[in-house]
Amino acid sequence: MAIFAIGDVQGCWLELQRLLNKINFDPEDDTLWFTGDLVNRGPGSLETLRFVKKLGNAAITVLGNHELHLLAIAHGKFKARKNDTFDALLTAHDCDELLEWLRNLPLMHHDKTLGYAMVH
């Protein structure tokens, strides 16, 4: 069983898939620790969120500033910036489900057994 920490995917879905293939990630045996910023900048924010959510217990994820920015936009607290790449996500049929999943993610994860903490 391996644990891999990955940060700042930023919507780069294809690159994430290539990385996971390169490290031979097996969701049955391995765990991914995502250090936030799964979304924005790249073209695959929607695919990235769907993938990480679907991993279930094979992924531990904390919120980054880009997820917080997305949630603020979705709740009408901020307007999207010129370079934000949230359109596909915000108009997706499962947008509400994905946003609810994000709202329930922590800002920090502490693994007492391993003695590690993870934040963005």
C-alpha atoms as a PDB file:
ATOM      1  CA  MET A   1       0.000   0.000   0.000  1.00  0.00           C
ATOM      2  CA  ALA A   2       1.395   3.353  -1.071  1.00  0.00           C
ATOM      3  CA  ILE A   3       0.345   6.882  -0.198  1.00  0.00           C
ATOM      4  CA  PHE A   4       0.941   9.543  -2.834  1.00  0.00           C
ATOM      5  CA  ALA A   5       0.578  13.276  -2.107  1.00  0.00           C
ATOM      6  CA  ILE A   6      -0.436  15.413  -5.076  1.00  0.00           C
ATOM      7  CA  GLY A   7      -0.941  19.162  -5.045  1.00  0.00           C
ATOM      8  CA  ASP A   8      -2.358  21.793  -7.347  1.00  0.00           C
ATOM      9  CA  VAL A   9      -3.913  19.656 -10.080  1.00  0.00           C
ATOM     10  CA  GLN A  10      -5.783  22.851 -11.079  1.00  0.00           C
ATOM     11  CA  GLY A  11      -8.097  21.200 -13.561  1.00  0.00           C
ATOM     12  CA  CYS A  12      -5.324  19.424 -15.471  1.00  0.00           C
ATOM     13  CA  TRP A  13      -7.290  16.183 -15.754  1.00  0.00           C
ATOM     14  CA  LEU A  14      -5.234  14.547 -18.520  1.00  0.00           C
ATOM     15  CA  GLU A  15      -1.962  15.319 -16.792  1.00  0.00           C
ATOM     16  CA  LEU A  16      -3.310  13.828 -13.562  1.00  0.00           C
ATOM     17  CA  GLN A  17      -4.272  10.634 -15.384  1.00  0.00           C
ATOM     18  CA  ARG A  18      -0.798  10.399 -16.943  1.00  0.00           C
ATOM     19  CA  LEU A  19       0.800  10.875 -13.523  1.00  0.00           C
ATOM     20  CA  LEU A  20      -1.364   8.184 -11.938  1.00  0.00           C
ATOM     21  CA  ASN A  21      -0.492   5.781 -14.752  1.00  0.00           C
ATOM     22  CA  LYS A  22       3.197   6.553 -14.318  1.00  0.00           C
ATOM     23  CA  ILE A  23       3.133   5.749 -10.587  1.00  0.00           C
ATOM     24  CA  ASN A  24       0.915   2.694 -11.186  1.00  0.00           C
ATOM     25  CA  PHE A  25      -1.752   3.998  -8.824  1.00  0.00           C
ATOM     26  CA  ASP A  26      -4.137   1.243  -7.748  1.00  0.00           C
ATOM     27  CA  PRO A  27      -7.246   2.549  -5.937  1.00  0.00           C
ATOM     28  CA  GLU A  28      -7.753  -0.874  -4.358  1.00  0.00           C
ATOM     29  CA  ASP A  29      -4.389  -0.712  -2.552  1.00  0.00           C
ATOM     30  CA  ASP A  30      -3.099   2.873  -2.672  1.00  0.00           C
ATOM     31  CA  THR A  31      -4.256   6.204  -1.280  1.00  0.00           C
ATOM     32  CA  LEU A  32      -3.979   9.647  -2.838  1.00  0.00           C
ATOM     33  CA  TRP A  33      -3.615  12.708  -0.647  1.00  0.00           C
ATOM     34  CA  PHE A  34      -4.758  15.777  -2.595  1.00  0.00           C
ATOM     35  CA  THR A  35      -3.428  18.986  -1.087  1.00  0.00           C
ATOM     36  CA  GLY A  36      -6.071  21.285  -2.570  1.00  0.00           C
ATOM     37  CA  ASP A  37      -6.511  23.272  -5.766  1.00  0.00           C
ATOM     38  CA  LEU A  38      -8.064  20.449  -7.767  1.00  0.00           C
ATOM     39  CA  VAL A  39      -9.847  23.010  -9.952  1.00  0.00           C
ATOM     40  CA  ASN A  40      -9.326  26.094 -12.129  1.00  0.00           C
ATOM     41  CA  ARG A  41      -6.760  27.129 -14.724  1.00  0.00           C
ATOM     42  CA  GLY A  42      -6.770  23.840 -16.663  1.00  0.00           C
ATOM     43  CA  PRO A  43      -9.626  22.669 -18.917  1.00  0.00           C
ATOM     44  CA  GLY A  44     -10.646  19.611 -16.878  1.00  0.00           C
ATOM     45  CA  SER A  45     -11.922  20.852 -13.520  1.00  0.00           C
ATOM     46  CA  LEU A  46     -15.226  19.020 -13.898  1.00  0.00           C
ATOM     47  CA  GLU A  47     -13.579  15.714 -14.813  1.00  0.00           C
ATOM     48  CA  THR A  48     -11.045  16.112 -12.016  1.00  0.00           C
ATOM     49  CA  LEU A  49     -13.707  16.641  -9.347  1.00  0.00           C
ATOM     50  CA  ARG A  50     -15.807  13.743 -10.599  1.00  0.00           C
ATOM     51  CA  PHE A  51     -12.768  11.467 -10.573  1.00  0.00           C
ATOM     52  CA  VAL A  52     -11.526  12.405  -7.097  1.00  0.00           C
ATOM     53  CA  LYS A  53     -15.029  12.203  -5.610  1.00  0.00           C
ATOM     54  CA  LYS A  54     -15.527   8.772  -7.170  1.00  0.00           C
ATOM     55  CA  LEU A  55     -12.281   7.528  -5.576  1.00  0.00           C
ATOM     56  CA  GLY A  56     -14.052   7.576  -2.212  1.00  0.00           C
ATOM     57  CA  ASN A  57     -11.783   6.270   0.550  1.00  0.00           C
ATOM     58  CA  ALA A  58      -8.859   5.935  -1.863  1.00  0.00           C
ATOM     59  CA  ALA A  59      -8.503   9.735  -1.769  1.00  0.00           C
ATOM     60  CA  ILE A  60      -8.075  12.174   1.072  1.00  0.00           C
ATOM     61  CA  THR A  61      -8.633  15.738  -0.036  1.00  0.00           C
ATOM     62  CA  VAL A  62      -8.339  19.131   1.625  1.00  0.00           C
ATOM     63  CA  LEU A  63      -9.630  22.413   0.283  1.00  0.00           C
ATOM     64  CA  GLY A  64      -7.362  24.869  -1.462  1.00  0.00           C
ATOM     65  CA  ASN A  65      -7.929  28.505  -2.341  1.00  0.00           C
ATOM     66  CA  HIS A  66      -9.294  27.607  -5.801  1.00  0.00           C
ATOM     67  CA  GLU A  67     -12.031  25.403  -4.304  1.00  0.00           C
ATOM     68  CA  LEU A  68     -12.904  28.186  -1.862  1.00  0.00           C
ATOM     69  CA  HIS A  69     -13.037  30.644  -4.782  1.00  0.00           C
ATOM     70  CA  LEU A  70     -15.336  28.282  -6.710  1.00  0.00           C
ATOM     71  CA  LEU A  71     -17.664  27.916  -3.720  1.00  0.00           C
ATOM     72  CA  ALA A  72     -17.799  31.696  -3.273  1.00  0.00           C
ATOM     73  CA  ILE A  73     -18.739  32.129  -6.947  1.00  0.00           C
ATOM     74  CA  ALA A  74     -21.363  29.380  -6.761  1.00  0.00           C
ATOM     75  CA  HIS A  75     -22.937  31.093  -3.741  1.00  0.00           C
ATOM     76  CA  GLY A  76     -22.931  34.502  -5.427  1.00  0.00           C
ATOM     77  CA  LYS A  77     -20.367  36.010  -3.059  1.00  0.00           C
ATOM     78  CA  PHE A  78     -17.791  36.700  -5.795  1.00  0.00           C
ATOM     79  CA  LYS A  79     -17.848  37.066  -9.547  1.00  0.00           C
ATOM     80  CA  ALA A  80     -15.751  34.780 -11.702  1.00  0.00           C
ATOM     81  CA  ARG A  81     -12.450  36.211 -12.840  1.00  0.00           C
ATOM     82  CA  LYS A  82     -11.517  36.498 -16.500  1.00  0.00           C
ATOM     83  CA  ASN A  83      -9.192  33.475 -16.373  1.00  0.00           C
ATOM     84  CA  ASP A  84     -11.387  31.183 -14.243  1.00  0.00           C
ATOM     85  CA  THR A  85     -12.265  27.880 -15.906  1.00  0.00           C
ATOM     86  CA  PHE A  86     -15.384  26.947 -13.942  1.00  0.00           C
ATOM     87  CA  ASP A  87     -18.036  27.229 -16.686  1.00  0.00           C
ATOM     88  CA  ALA A  88     -18.345  23.513 -17.486  1.00  0.00           C
ATOM     89  CA  LEU A  89     -18.447  22.676 -13.802  1.00  0.00           C
ATOM     90  CA  LEU A  90     -21.031  25.308 -12.869  1.00  0.00           C
ATOM     91  CA  THR A  91     -23.369  24.204 -15.676  1.00  0.00           C
ATOM     92  CA  ALA A  92     -22.927  20.437 -15.205  1.00  0.00           C
ATOM     93  CA  HIS A  93     -25.928  18.272 -14.318  1.00  0.00           C
ATOM     94  CA  ASP A  94     -24.115  17.154 -11.147  1.00  0.00           C
ATOM     95  CA  CYS A  95     -22.851  20.606 -10.140  1.00  0.00           C
ATOM     96  CA  ASP A  96     -24.876  20.744  -6.908  1.00  0.00           C
ATOM     97  CA  GLU A  97     -23.646  17.304  -5.869  1.00  0.00           C
ATOM     98  CA  LEU A  98     -20.013  18.227  -6.551  1.00  0.00           C
ATOM     99  CA  LEU A  99     -20.323  21.542  -4.708  1.00  0.00           C
ATOM    100  CA  GLU A 100     -21.896  19.793  -1.721  1.00  0.00           C
ATOM    101  CA  TRP A 101     -18.998  17.322  -1.709  1.00  0.00           C
ATOM    102  CA  LEU A 102     -16.531  20.233  -1.760  1.00  0.00           C
ATOM    103  CA  ARG A 103     -18.374  22.022   1.062  1.00  0.00           C
ATOM    104  CA  ASN A 104     -17.803  19.003   3.268  1.00  0.00           C
ATOM    105  CA  LEU A 105     -14.059  18.744   2.677  1.00  0.00           C
ATOM    106  CA  PRO A 106     -11.740  19.848   5.480  1.00  0.00           C
ATOM    107  CA  LEU A 107      -9.087  22.546   5.360  1.00  0.00           C
ATOM    108  CA  MET A 108      -6.666  20.192   7.113  1.00  0.00           C
ATOM    109  CA  HIS A 109      -6.172  16.454   7.404  1.00  0.00           C
ATOM    110  CA  HIS A 110      -4.218  14.892  10.264  1.00  0.00           C
ATOM    111  CA  ASP A 111      -3.244  11.226  10.145  1.00  0.00           C
ATOM    112  CA  LYS A 112      -2.471  10.255  13.737  1.00  0.00           C
ATOM    113  CA  THR A 113      -1.146   6.835  12.756  1.00  0.00           C
ATOM    114  CA  LEU A 114       1.393   8.206  10.294  1.00  0.00           C
ATOM    115  CA  GLY A 115       2.047  11.377  12.256  1.00  0.00           C
ATOM    116  CA  TYR A 116       1.449  13.665   9.266  1.00  0.00           C
ATOM    117  CA  ALA A 117      -0.783  16.643   8.701  1.00  0.00           C
ATOM    118  CA  MET A 118      -1.795  17.989   5.305  1.00  0.00           C
ATOM    119  CA  VAL A 119      -2.979  21.502   4.422  1.00  0.00           C
ATOM    120  CA  HIS A 120      -2.922  23.519   1.238  1.00  0.00           C
END
